[in-house]
Amino acid sequence: MKILAAIHDLMFSSKVNAAARGKAISWLPRGTPVAEHVAKEKPDVLLIDLASPALNAVEAVRHTREDLIAAARDAGADHVMSKGEFARRLPELLQGD
């Protein structure tokens, strides 16, 4: 399973690493064009912090959470969830083979 992560929150990144249970994760550095990297790498799982001001993850106006959710779905996201739900479901989400 190829996992690509665009999360720059240090505390949350450590939760992702713990939940991955040894699975390899490719971490995108700040400033990396996410869409271009995804098109090139074709990951099975993309973990991204849509609310991060450092990421231009979804090219959409960020007026409301509904806009973020709609933009993520329009961009092809299978699941869009809060950080809390994401943290709770992280082990399950990373266990697919």
PDB file of N, CA and C in Angstrom:
ATOM      1  N   MET A   1       0.847  -1.167   0.000  1.00  0.00           N
ATOM      2  CA  MET A   1       0.000   0.000   0.000  1.00  0.00           C
ATOM      3  C   MET A   1       0.894   1.232   0.000  1.00  0.00           C
ATOM      4  N   LYS A   2       0.660   2.130  -0.930  1.00  0.00           N
ATOM      5  CA  LYS A   2       1.430   3.363  -1.046  1.00  0.00           C
ATOM      6  C   LYS A   2       0.666   4.481  -0.341  1.00  0.00           C
ATOM      7  N   ILE A   3       1.269   5.033   0.724  1.00  0.00           N
ATOM      8  CA  ILE A   3       0.636   6.074   1.528  1.00  0.00           C
ATOM      9  C   ILE A   3       1.418   7.371   1.362  1.00  0.00           C
ATOM     10  N   LEU A   4       0.710   8.430   1.007  1.00  0.00           N
ATOM     11  CA  LEU A   4       1.299   9.748   0.843  1.00  0.00           C
ATOM     12  C   LEU A   4       0.636  10.684   1.838  1.00  0.00           C
ATOM     13  N   ALA A   5       1.431  11.444   2.590  1.00  0.00           N
ATOM     14  CA  ALA A   5       0.881  12.323   3.612  1.00  0.00           C
ATOM     15  C   ALA A   5       1.336  13.761   3.404  1.00  0.00           C
ATOM     16  N   ALA A   6       0.373  14.663   3.456  1.00  0.00           N
ATOM     17  CA  ALA A   6       0.647  16.101   3.399  1.00  0.00           C
ATOM     18  C   ALA A   6       0.058  16.704   4.667  1.00  0.00           C
ATOM     19  N   ILE A   7       0.747  16.449   5.765  1.00  0.00           N
ATOM     20  CA  ILE A   7       0.320  16.929   7.083  1.00  0.00           C
ATOM     21  C   ILE A   7       1.547  17.555   7.724  1.00  0.00           C
ATOM     22  N   HIS A   8       1.433  18.816   8.121  1.00  0.00           N
ATOM     23  CA  HIS A   8       2.591  19.505   8.675  1.00  0.00           C
ATOM     24  C   HIS A   8       2.452  19.786  10.164  1.00  0.00           C
ATOM     25  N   ASP A   9       1.443  19.247  10.768  1.00  0.00           N
ATOM     26  CA  ASP A   9       1.237  19.377  12.210  1.00  0.00           C
ATOM     27  C   ASP A   9       2.038  18.264  12.883  1.00  0.00           C
ATOM     28  N   LEU A  10       3.075  18.625  13.621  1.00  0.00           N
ATOM     29  CA  LEU A  10       4.000  17.644  14.207  1.00  0.00           C
ATOM     30  C   LEU A  10       3.291  16.638  15.111  1.00  0.00           C
ATOM     31  N   MET A  11       2.392  17.119  15.964  1.00  0.00           N
ATOM     32  CA  MET A  11       1.678  16.214  16.875  1.00  0.00           C
ATOM     33  C   MET A  11       0.804  15.235  16.093  1.00  0.00           C
ATOM     34  N   PHE A  12       0.103  15.740  15.091  1.00  0.00           N
ATOM     35  CA  PHE A  12      -0.769  14.870  14.322  1.00  0.00           C
ATOM     36  C   PHE A  12       0.033  13.907  13.455  1.00  0.00           C
ATOM     37  N   SER A  13       1.165  14.364  12.963  1.00  0.00           N
ATOM     38  CA  SER A  13       2.034  13.484  12.172  1.00  0.00           C
ATOM     39  C   SER A  13       2.509  12.291  12.992  1.00  0.00           C
ATOM     40  N   SER A  14       2.792  12.528  14.269  1.00  0.00           N
ATOM     41  CA  SER A  14       3.229  11.420  15.122  1.00  0.00           C
ATOM     42  C   SER A  14       2.094  10.424  15.341  1.00  0.00           C
ATOM     43  N   LYS A  15       0.853  10.897  15.405  1.00  0.00           N
ATOM     44  CA  LYS A  15      -0.299   9.985  15.514  1.00  0.00           C
ATOM     45  C   LYS A  15      -0.421   9.131  14.256  1.00  0.00           C
ATOM     46  N   VAL A  16      -0.211   9.749  13.110  1.00  0.00           N
ATOM     47  CA  VAL A  16      -0.279   9.013  11.844  1.00  0.00           C
ATOM     48  C   VAL A  16       0.793   7.931  11.821  1.00  0.00           C
ATOM     49  N   ASN A  17       2.018   8.280  12.182  1.00  0.00           N
ATOM     50  CA  ASN A  17       3.103   7.291  12.200  1.00  0.00           C
ATOM     51  C   ASN A  17       2.798   6.134  13.146  1.00  0.00           C
ATOM     52  N   ALA A  18       2.255   6.442  14.312  1.00  0.00           N
ATOM     53  CA  ALA A  18       1.924   5.390  15.280  1.00  0.00           C
ATOM     54  C   ALA A  18       0.838   4.477  14.730  1.00  0.00           C
ATOM     55  N   ALA A  19      -0.165   5.053  14.103  1.00  0.00           N
ATOM     56  CA  ALA A  19      -1.272   4.254  13.575  1.00  0.00           C
ATOM     57  C   ALA A  19      -0.860   3.418  12.371  1.00  0.00           C
ATOM     58  N   ALA A  20       0.157   3.861  11.651  1.00  0.00           N
ATOM     59  CA  ALA A  20       0.598   3.141  10.450  1.00  0.00           C
ATOM     60  C   ALA A  20       1.239   1.804  10.784  1.00  0.00           C
ATOM     61  N   ARG A  21       1.665   1.630  12.028  1.00  0.00           N
ATOM     62  CA  ARG A  21       2.246   0.359  12.486  1.00  0.00           C
ATOM     63  C   ARG A  21       3.320  -0.171  11.548  1.00  0.00           C
ATOM     64  N   GLY A  22       4.272   0.697  11.235  1.00  0.00           N
ATOM     65  CA  GLY A  22       5.401   0.256  10.430  1.00  0.00           C
ATOM     66  C   GLY A  22       5.228   0.372   8.932  1.00  0.00           C
ATOM     67  N   LYS A  23       4.035   0.701   8.470  1.00  0.00           N
ATOM     68  CA  LYS A  23       3.851   0.870   7.031  1.00  0.00           C
ATOM     69  C   LYS A  23       4.602   2.124   6.586  1.00  0.00           C
ATOM     70  N   ALA A  24       5.178   2.050   5.411  1.00  0.00           N
ATOM     71  CA  ALA A  24       5.937   3.190   4.885  1.00  0.00           C
ATOM     72  C   ALA A  24       4.996   4.320   4.488  1.00  0.00           C
ATOM     73  N   ILE A  25       5.346   5.521   4.910  1.00  0.00           N
ATOM     74  CA  ILE A  25       4.588   6.712   4.557  1.00  0.00           C
ATOM     75  C   ILE A  25       5.549   7.689   3.902  1.00  0.00           C
ATOM     76  N   SER A  26       5.174   8.203   2.748  1.00  0.00           N
ATOM     77  CA  SER A  26       5.950   9.259   2.098  1.00  0.00           C
ATOM     78  C   SER A  26       5.368  10.591   2.553  1.00  0.00           C
ATOM     79  N   TRP A  27       6.201  11.400   3.205  1.00  0.00           N
ATOM     80  CA  TRP A  27       5.767  12.695   3.731  1.00  0.00           C
ATOM     81  C   TRP A  27       6.160  13.798   2.760  1.00  0.00           C
ATOM     82  N   LEU A  28       5.184  14.599   2.346  1.00  0.00           N
ATOM     83  CA  LEU A  28       5.480  15.722   1.461  1.00  0.00           C
ATOM     84  C   LEU A  28       6.002  16.896   2.272  1.00  0.00           C
ATOM     85  N   PRO A  29       7.127  17.454   1.886  1.00  0.00           N
ATOM     86  CA  PRO A  29       7.631  18.629   2.596  1.00  0.00           C
ATOM     87  C   PRO A  29       6.794  19.863   2.273  1.00  0.00           C
ATOM     88  N   ARG A  30       6.871  20.853   3.153  1.00  0.00           N
ATOM     89  CA  ARG A  30       6.169  22.119   2.914  1.00  0.00           C
ATOM     90  C   ARG A  30       6.559  22.676   1.545  1.00  0.00           C
ATOM     91  N   GLY A  31       5.571  23.251   0.889  1.00  0.00           N
ATOM     92  CA  GLY A  31       5.822  23.872  -0.407  1.00  0.00           C
ATOM     93  C   GLY A  31       5.722  22.925  -1.587  1.00  0.00           C
ATOM     94  N   THR A  32       5.542  21.644  -1.328  1.00  0.00           N
ATOM     95  CA  THR A  32       5.415  20.673  -2.413  1.00  0.00           C
ATOM     96  C   THR A  32       4.037  20.822  -3.047  1.00  0.00           C
ATOM     97  N   PRO A  33       3.957  20.917  -4.379  1.00  0.00           N
ATOM     98  CA  PRO A  33       2.652  20.976  -5.034  1.00  0.00           C
ATOM     99  C   PRO A  33       1.943  19.618  -4.906  1.00  0.00           C
ATOM    100  N   VAL A  34       0.962  19.560  -4.031  1.00  0.00           N
ATOM    101  CA  VAL A  34       0.308  18.298  -3.688  1.00  0.00           C
ATOM    102  C   VAL A  34      -0.310  17.623  -4.910  1.00  0.00           C
ATOM    103  N   ALA A  35      -1.099  18.361  -5.682  1.00  0.00           N
ATOM    104  CA  ALA A  35      -1.806  17.762  -6.824  1.00  0.00           C
ATOM    105  C   ALA A  35      -0.833  17.146  -7.820  1.00  0.00           C
ATOM    106  N   GLU A  36       0.258  17.850  -8.106  1.00  0.00           N
ATOM    107  CA  GLU A  36       1.251  17.321  -9.044  1.00  0.00           C
ATOM    108  C   GLU A  36       1.910  16.061  -8.498  1.00  0.00           C
ATOM    109  N   HIS A  37       2.212  16.061  -7.208  1.00  0.00           N
ATOM    110  CA  HIS A  37       2.863  14.901  -6.590  1.00  0.00           C
ATOM    111  C   HIS A  37       1.928  13.689  -6.587  1.00  0.00           C
ATOM    112  N   VAL A  38       0.655  13.915  -6.311  1.00  0.00           N
ATOM    113  CA  VAL A  38      -0.322  12.825  -6.317  1.00  0.00           C
ATOM    114  C   VAL A  38      -0.448  12.236  -7.719  1.00  0.00           C
ATOM    115  N   ALA A  39      -0.512  13.103  -8.722  1.00  0.00           N
ATOM    116  CA  ALA A  39      -0.623  12.617 -10.104  1.00  0.00           C
ATOM    117  C   ALA A  39       0.591  11.782 -10.493  1.00  0.00           C
ATOM    118  N   LYS A  40       1.761  12.173 -10.013  1.00  0.00           N
ATOM    119  CA  LYS A  40       3.001  11.459 -10.333  1.00  0.00           C
ATOM    120  C   LYS A  40       3.118  10.152  -9.547  1.00  0.00           C
ATOM    121  N   GLU A  41       2.844  10.197  -8.252  1.00  0.00           N
ATOM    122  CA  GLU A  41       3.048   9.044  -7.372  1.00  0.00           C
ATOM    123  C   GLU A  41       1.893   8.047  -7.377  1.00  0.00           C
ATOM    124  N   LYS A  42       0.679   8.516  -7.635  1.00  0.00           N
ATOM    125  CA  LYS A  42      -0.527   7.679  -7.627  1.00  0.00           C
ATOM    126  C   LYS A  42      -0.647   6.835  -6.354  1.00  0.00           C
ATOM    127  N   PRO A  43      -0.737   7.508  -5.187  1.00  0.00           N
ATOM    128  CA  PRO A  43      -0.820   6.744  -3.928  1.00  0.00           C
ATOM    129  C   PRO A  43      -2.166   6.029  -3.780  1.00  0.00           C
ATOM    130  N   ASP A  44      -2.157   4.970  -2.983  1.00  0.00           N
ATOM    131  CA  ASP A  44      -3.401   4.280  -2.635  1.00  0.00           C
ATOM    132  C   ASP A  44      -4.173   5.091  -1.600  1.00  0.00           C
ATOM    133  N   VAL A  45      -3.431   5.773  -0.730  1.00  0.00           N
ATOM    134  CA  VAL A  45      -4.024   6.576   0.341  1.00  0.00           C
ATOM    135  C   VAL A  45      -3.324   7.933   0.360  1.00  0.00           C
ATOM    136  N   LEU A  46      -4.114   9.003   0.387  1.00  0.00           N
ATOM    137  CA  LEU A  46      -3.577  10.352   0.549  1.00  0.00           C
ATOM    138  C   LEU A  46      -4.135  10.912   1.840  1.00  0.00           C
ATOM    139  N   LEU A  47      -3.241  11.245   2.759  1.00  0.00           N
ATOM    140  CA  LEU A  47      -3.618  11.872   4.026  1.00  0.00           C
ATOM    141  C   LEU A  47      -3.244  13.337   3.913  1.00  0.00           C
ATOM    142  N   ILE A  48      -4.242  14.211   4.042  1.00  0.00           N
ATOM    143  CA  ILE A  48      -3.986  15.628   3.832  1.00  0.00           C
ATOM    144  C   ILE A  48      -4.789  16.474   4.802  1.00  0.00           C
ATOM    145  N   ASP A  49      -4.156  17.503   5.301  1.00  0.00           N
ATOM    146  CA  ASP A  49      -4.817  18.451   6.206  1.00  0.00           C
ATOM    147  C   ASP A  49      -5.369  19.587   5.361  1.00  0.00           C
ATOM    148  N   LEU A  50      -6.650  19.512   5.012  1.00  0.00           N
ATOM    149  CA  LEU A  50      -7.263  20.511   4.147  1.00  0.00           C
ATOM    150  C   LEU A  50      -7.264  21.900   4.762  1.00  0.00           C
ATOM    151  N   ALA A  51      -7.261  21.979   6.074  1.00  0.00           N
ATOM    152  CA  ALA A  51      -7.334  23.277   6.743  1.00  0.00           C
ATOM    153  C   ALA A  51      -5.973  23.924   6.939  1.00  0.00           C
ATOM    154  N   SER A  52      -4.912  23.261   6.569  1.00  0.00           N
ATOM    155  CA  SER A  52      -3.577  23.811   6.765  1.00  0.00           C
ATOM    156  C   SER A  52      -3.339  25.000   5.847  1.00  0.00           C
ATOM    157  N   PRO A  53      -2.973  26.149   6.424  1.00  0.00           N
ATOM    158  CA  PRO A  53      -2.691  27.305   5.576  1.00  0.00           C
ATOM    159  C   PRO A  53      -1.414  27.131   4.752  1.00  0.00           C
ATOM    160  N   ALA A  54      -0.577  26.185   5.114  1.00  0.00           N
ATOM    161  CA  ALA A  54       0.678  25.959   4.395  1.00  0.00           C
ATOM    162  C   ALA A  54       0.480  25.126   3.134  1.00  0.00           C
ATOM    163  N   LEU A  55      -0.681  24.486   2.996  1.00  0.00           N
ATOM    164  CA  LEU A  55      -0.926  23.612   1.852  1.00  0.00           C
ATOM    165  C   LEU A  55      -1.912  24.241   0.881  1.00  0.00           C
ATOM    166  N   ASN A  56      -1.622  24.129  -0.389  1.00  0.00           N
ATOM    167  CA  ASN A  56      -2.581  24.509  -1.418  1.00  0.00           C
ATOM    168  C   ASN A  56      -3.169  23.203  -1.933  1.00  0.00           C
ATOM    169  N   ALA A  57      -3.808  22.484  -1.021  1.00  0.00           N
ATOM    170  CA  ALA A  57      -4.254  21.128  -1.297  1.00  0.00           C
ATOM    171  C   ALA A  57      -5.424  21.084  -2.254  1.00  0.00           C
ATOM    172  N   VAL A  58      -6.356  21.944  -2.076  1.00  0.00           N
ATOM    173  CA  VAL A  58      -7.531  21.981  -2.932  1.00  0.00           C
ATOM    174  C   VAL A  58      -7.669  23.413  -3.408  1.00  0.00           C
ATOM    175  N   GLU A  59      -7.686  23.595  -4.705  1.00  0.00           N
ATOM    176  CA  GLU A  59      -7.790  24.946  -5.220  1.00  0.00           C
ATOM    177  C   GLU A  59      -9.252  25.369  -5.178  1.00  0.00           C
ATOM    178  N   ALA A  60      -9.620  25.941  -4.064  1.00  0.00           N
ATOM    179  CA  ALA A  60     -10.990  26.391  -3.854  1.00  0.00           C
ATOM    180  C   ALA A  60     -10.977  27.529  -2.852  1.00  0.00           C
ATOM    181  N   VAL A  61     -12.001  28.300  -2.858  1.00  0.00           N
ATOM    182  CA  VAL A  61     -12.133  29.370  -1.876  1.00  0.00           C
ATOM    183  C   VAL A  61     -12.457  28.728  -0.543  1.00  0.00           C
ATOM    184  N   ARG A  62     -11.750  29.141   0.498  1.00  0.00           N
ATOM    185  CA  ARG A  62     -11.887  28.506   1.802  1.00  0.00           C
ATOM    186  C   ARG A  62     -12.737  29.358   2.733  1.00  0.00           C
ATOM    187  N   HIS A  63     -13.988  29.601   2.346  1.00  0.00           N
ATOM    188  CA  HIS A  63     -14.857  30.432   3.176  1.00  0.00           C
ATOM    189  C   HIS A  63     -15.500  29.647   4.306  1.00  0.00           C
ATOM    190  N   THR A  64     -15.887  28.416   4.025  1.00  0.00           N
ATOM    191  CA  THR A  64     -16.569  27.598   5.030  1.00  0.00           C
ATOM    192  C   THR A  64     -16.080  26.169   4.947  1.00  0.00           C
ATOM    193  N   ARG A  65     -16.357  25.407   5.969  1.00  0.00           N
ATOM    194  CA  ARG A  65     -16.005  23.979   5.958  1.00  0.00           C
ATOM    195  C   ARG A  65     -16.752  23.257   4.844  1.00  0.00           C
ATOM    196  N   GLU A  66     -17.978  23.681   4.554  1.00  0.00           N
ATOM    197  CA  GLU A  66     -18.741  23.043   3.486  1.00  0.00           C
ATOM    198  C   GLU A  66     -18.018  23.205   2.150  1.00  0.00           C
ATOM    199  N   ASP A  67     -17.410  24.389   1.934  1.00  0.00           N
ATOM    200  CA  ASP A  67     -16.641  24.597   0.715  1.00  0.00           C
ATOM    201  C   ASP A  67     -15.455  23.637   0.651  1.00  0.00           C
ATOM    202  N   LEU A  68     -14.780  23.439   1.786  1.00  0.00           N
ATOM    203  CA  LEU A  68     -13.639  22.524   1.821  1.00  0.00           C
ATOM    204  C   LEU A  68     -14.070  21.097   1.525  1.00  0.00           C
ATOM    205  N   ILE A  69     -15.163  20.692   2.135  1.00  0.00           N
ATOM    206  CA  ILE A  69     -15.650  19.326   1.929  1.00  0.00           C
ATOM    207  C   ILE A  69     -16.052  19.123   0.471  1.00  0.00           C
ATOM    208  N   ALA A  70     -16.804  20.066  -0.084  1.00  0.00           N
ATOM    209  CA  ALA A  70     -17.229  19.963  -1.482  1.00  0.00           C
ATOM    210  C   ALA A  70     -16.022  19.960  -2.418  1.00  0.00           C
ATOM    211  N   ALA A  71     -15.042  20.814  -2.152  1.00  0.00           N
ATOM    212  CA  ALA A  71     -13.852  20.873  -3.001  1.00  0.00           C
ATOM    213  C   ALA A  71     -13.066  19.570  -2.939  1.00  0.00           C
ATOM    214  N   ALA A  72     -12.954  19.004  -1.749  1.00  0.00           N
ATOM    215  CA  ALA A  72     -12.237  17.728  -1.599  1.00  0.00           C
ATOM    216  C   ALA A  72     -12.950  16.620  -2.366  1.00  0.00           C
ATOM    217  N   ARG A  73     -14.260  16.583  -2.254  1.00  0.00           N
ATOM    218  CA  ARG A  73     -15.027  15.552  -2.987  1.00  0.00           C
ATOM    219  C   ARG A  73     -14.932  15.768  -4.497  1.00  0.00           C
ATOM    220  N   ASP A  74     -15.022  17.032  -4.922  1.00  0.00           N
ATOM    221  CA  ASP A  74     -14.887  17.334  -6.344  1.00  0.00           C
ATOM    222  C   ASP A  74     -13.512  16.943  -6.873  1.00  0.00           C
ATOM    223  N   ALA A  75     -12.504  17.013  -6.003  1.00  0.00           N
ATOM    224  CA  ALA A  75     -11.136  16.651  -6.390  1.00  0.00           C
ATOM    225  C   ALA A  75     -10.912  15.143  -6.368  1.00  0.00           C
ATOM    226  N   GLY A  76     -11.928  14.371  -5.929  1.00  0.00           N
ATOM    227  CA  GLY A  76     -11.819  12.918  -5.961  1.00  0.00           C
ATOM    228  C   GLY A  76     -11.605  12.244  -4.620  1.00  0.00           C
ATOM    229  N   ALA A  77     -11.736  12.972  -3.511  1.00  0.00           N
ATOM    230  CA  ALA A  77     -11.551  12.353  -2.191  1.00  0.00           C
ATOM    231  C   ALA A  77     -12.668  11.352  -1.918  1.00  0.00           C
ATOM    232  N   ASP A  78     -12.303  10.160  -1.475  1.00  0.00           N
ATOM    233  CA  ASP A  78     -13.293   9.142  -1.116  1.00  0.00           C
ATOM    234  C   ASP A  78     -13.897   9.417   0.249  1.00  0.00           C
ATOM    235  N   HIS A  79     -13.089   9.921   1.184  1.00  0.00           N
ATOM    236  CA  HIS A  79     -13.543  10.194   2.545  1.00  0.00           C
ATOM    237  C   HIS A  79     -13.063  11.583   2.951  1.00  0.00           C
ATOM    238  N   VAL A  80     -13.947  12.343   3.554  1.00  0.00           N
ATOM    239  CA  VAL A  80     -13.599  13.641   4.117  1.00  0.00           C
ATOM    240  C   VAL A  80     -14.106  13.626   5.547  1.00  0.00           C
ATOM    241  N   MET A  81     -13.218  13.891   6.513  1.00  0.00           N
ATOM    242  CA  MET A  81     -13.631  13.805   7.916  1.00  0.00           C
ATOM    243  C   MET A  81     -12.860  14.793   8.766  1.00  0.00           C
ATOM    244  N   SER A  82     -13.382  15.041   9.951  1.00  0.00           N
ATOM    245  CA  SER A  82     -12.713  15.936  10.894  1.00  0.00           C
ATOM    246  C   SER A  82     -11.435  15.279  11.404  1.00  0.00           C
ATOM    247  N   LYS A  83     -10.559  16.100  12.001  1.00  0.00           N
ATOM    248  CA  LYS A  83      -9.333  15.539  12.575  1.00  0.00           C
ATOM    249  C   LYS A  83      -9.672  14.537  13.673  1.00  0.00           C
ATOM    250  N   GLY A  84     -10.696  14.834  14.460  1.00  0.00           N
ATOM    251  CA  GLY A  84     -11.081  13.915  15.528  1.00  0.00           C
ATOM    252  C   GLY A  84     -11.498  12.556  14.994  1.00  0.00           C
ATOM    253  N   GLU A  85     -12.373  12.560  13.993  1.00  0.00           N
ATOM    254  CA  GLU A  85     -12.807  11.299  13.395  1.00  0.00           C
ATOM    255  C   GLU A  85     -11.640  10.614  12.697  1.00  0.00           C
ATOM    256  N   PHE A  86     -10.809  11.406  12.025  1.00  0.00           N
ATOM    257  CA  PHE A  86      -9.646  10.864  11.341  1.00  0.00           C
ATOM    258  C   PHE A  86      -8.720  10.166  12.331  1.00  0.00           C
ATOM    259  N   ALA A  87      -8.447  10.831  13.454  1.00  0.00           N
ATOM    260  CA  ALA A  87      -7.568  10.247  14.471  1.00  0.00           C
ATOM    261  C   ALA A  87      -8.162   8.956  15.024  1.00  0.00           C
ATOM    262  N   ARG A  88      -9.471   8.954  15.252  1.00  0.00           N
ATOM    263  CA  ARG A  88     -10.139   7.769  15.794  1.00  0.00           C
ATOM    264  C   ARG A  88     -10.102   6.615  14.799  1.00  0.00           C
ATOM    265  N   ARG A  89     -10.253   6.902  13.499  1.00  0.00           N
ATOM    266  CA  ARG A  89     -10.335   5.852  12.477  1.00  0.00           C
ATOM    267  C   ARG A  89      -8.996   5.560  11.793  1.00  0.00           C
ATOM    268  N   LEU A  90      -7.946   6.286  12.182  1.00  0.00           N
ATOM    269  CA  LEU A  90      -6.655   6.157  11.511  1.00  0.00           C
ATOM    270  C   LEU A  90      -6.139   4.723  11.411  1.00  0.00           C
ATOM    271  N   PRO A  91      -6.130   3.947  12.475  1.00  0.00           N
ATOM    272  CA  PRO A  91      -5.648   2.559  12.335  1.00  0.00           C
ATOM    273  C   PRO A  91      -6.446   1.778  11.293  1.00  0.00           C
ATOM    274  N   GLU A  92      -7.754   1.948  11.305  1.00  0.00           N
ATOM    275  CA  GLU A  92      -8.621   1.263  10.321  1.00  0.00           C
ATOM    276  C   GLU A  92      -8.307   1.729   8.899  1.00  0.00           C
ATOM    277  N   LEU A  93      -8.134   3.030   8.705  1.00  0.00           N
ATOM    278  CA  LEU A  93      -7.892   3.579   7.376  1.00  0.00           C
ATOM    279  C   LEU A  93      -6.553   3.126   6.801  1.00  0.00           C
ATOM    280  N   LEU A  94      -5.570   2.902   7.635  1.00  0.00           N
ATOM    281  CA  LEU A  94      -4.233   2.522   7.155  1.00  0.00           C
ATOM    282  C   LEU A  94      -4.026   1.015   7.077  1.00  0.00           C
ATOM    283  N   GLN A  95      -5.016   0.229   7.442  1.00  0.00           N
ATOM    284  CA  GLN A  95      -4.826  -1.219   7.436  1.00  0.00           C
ATOM    285  C   GLN A  95      -5.205  -1.886   6.129  1.00  0.00           C
ATOM    286  N   GLY A  96      -5.776  -1.136   5.172  1.00  0.00           N
ATOM    287  CA  GLY A  96      -6.102  -1.724   3.877  1.00  0.00           C
ATOM    288  C   GLY A  96      -4.850  -2.211   3.184  1.00  0.00           C
ATOM    289  N   ASP A  97      -4.949  -3.278   2.434  1.00  0.00           N
ATOM    290  CA  ASP A  97      -3.770  -3.841   1.750  1.00  0.00           C
ATOM    291  C   ASP A  97      -3.854  -3.685   0.279  1.00  0.00           C
TER     292      ASP A  97
END
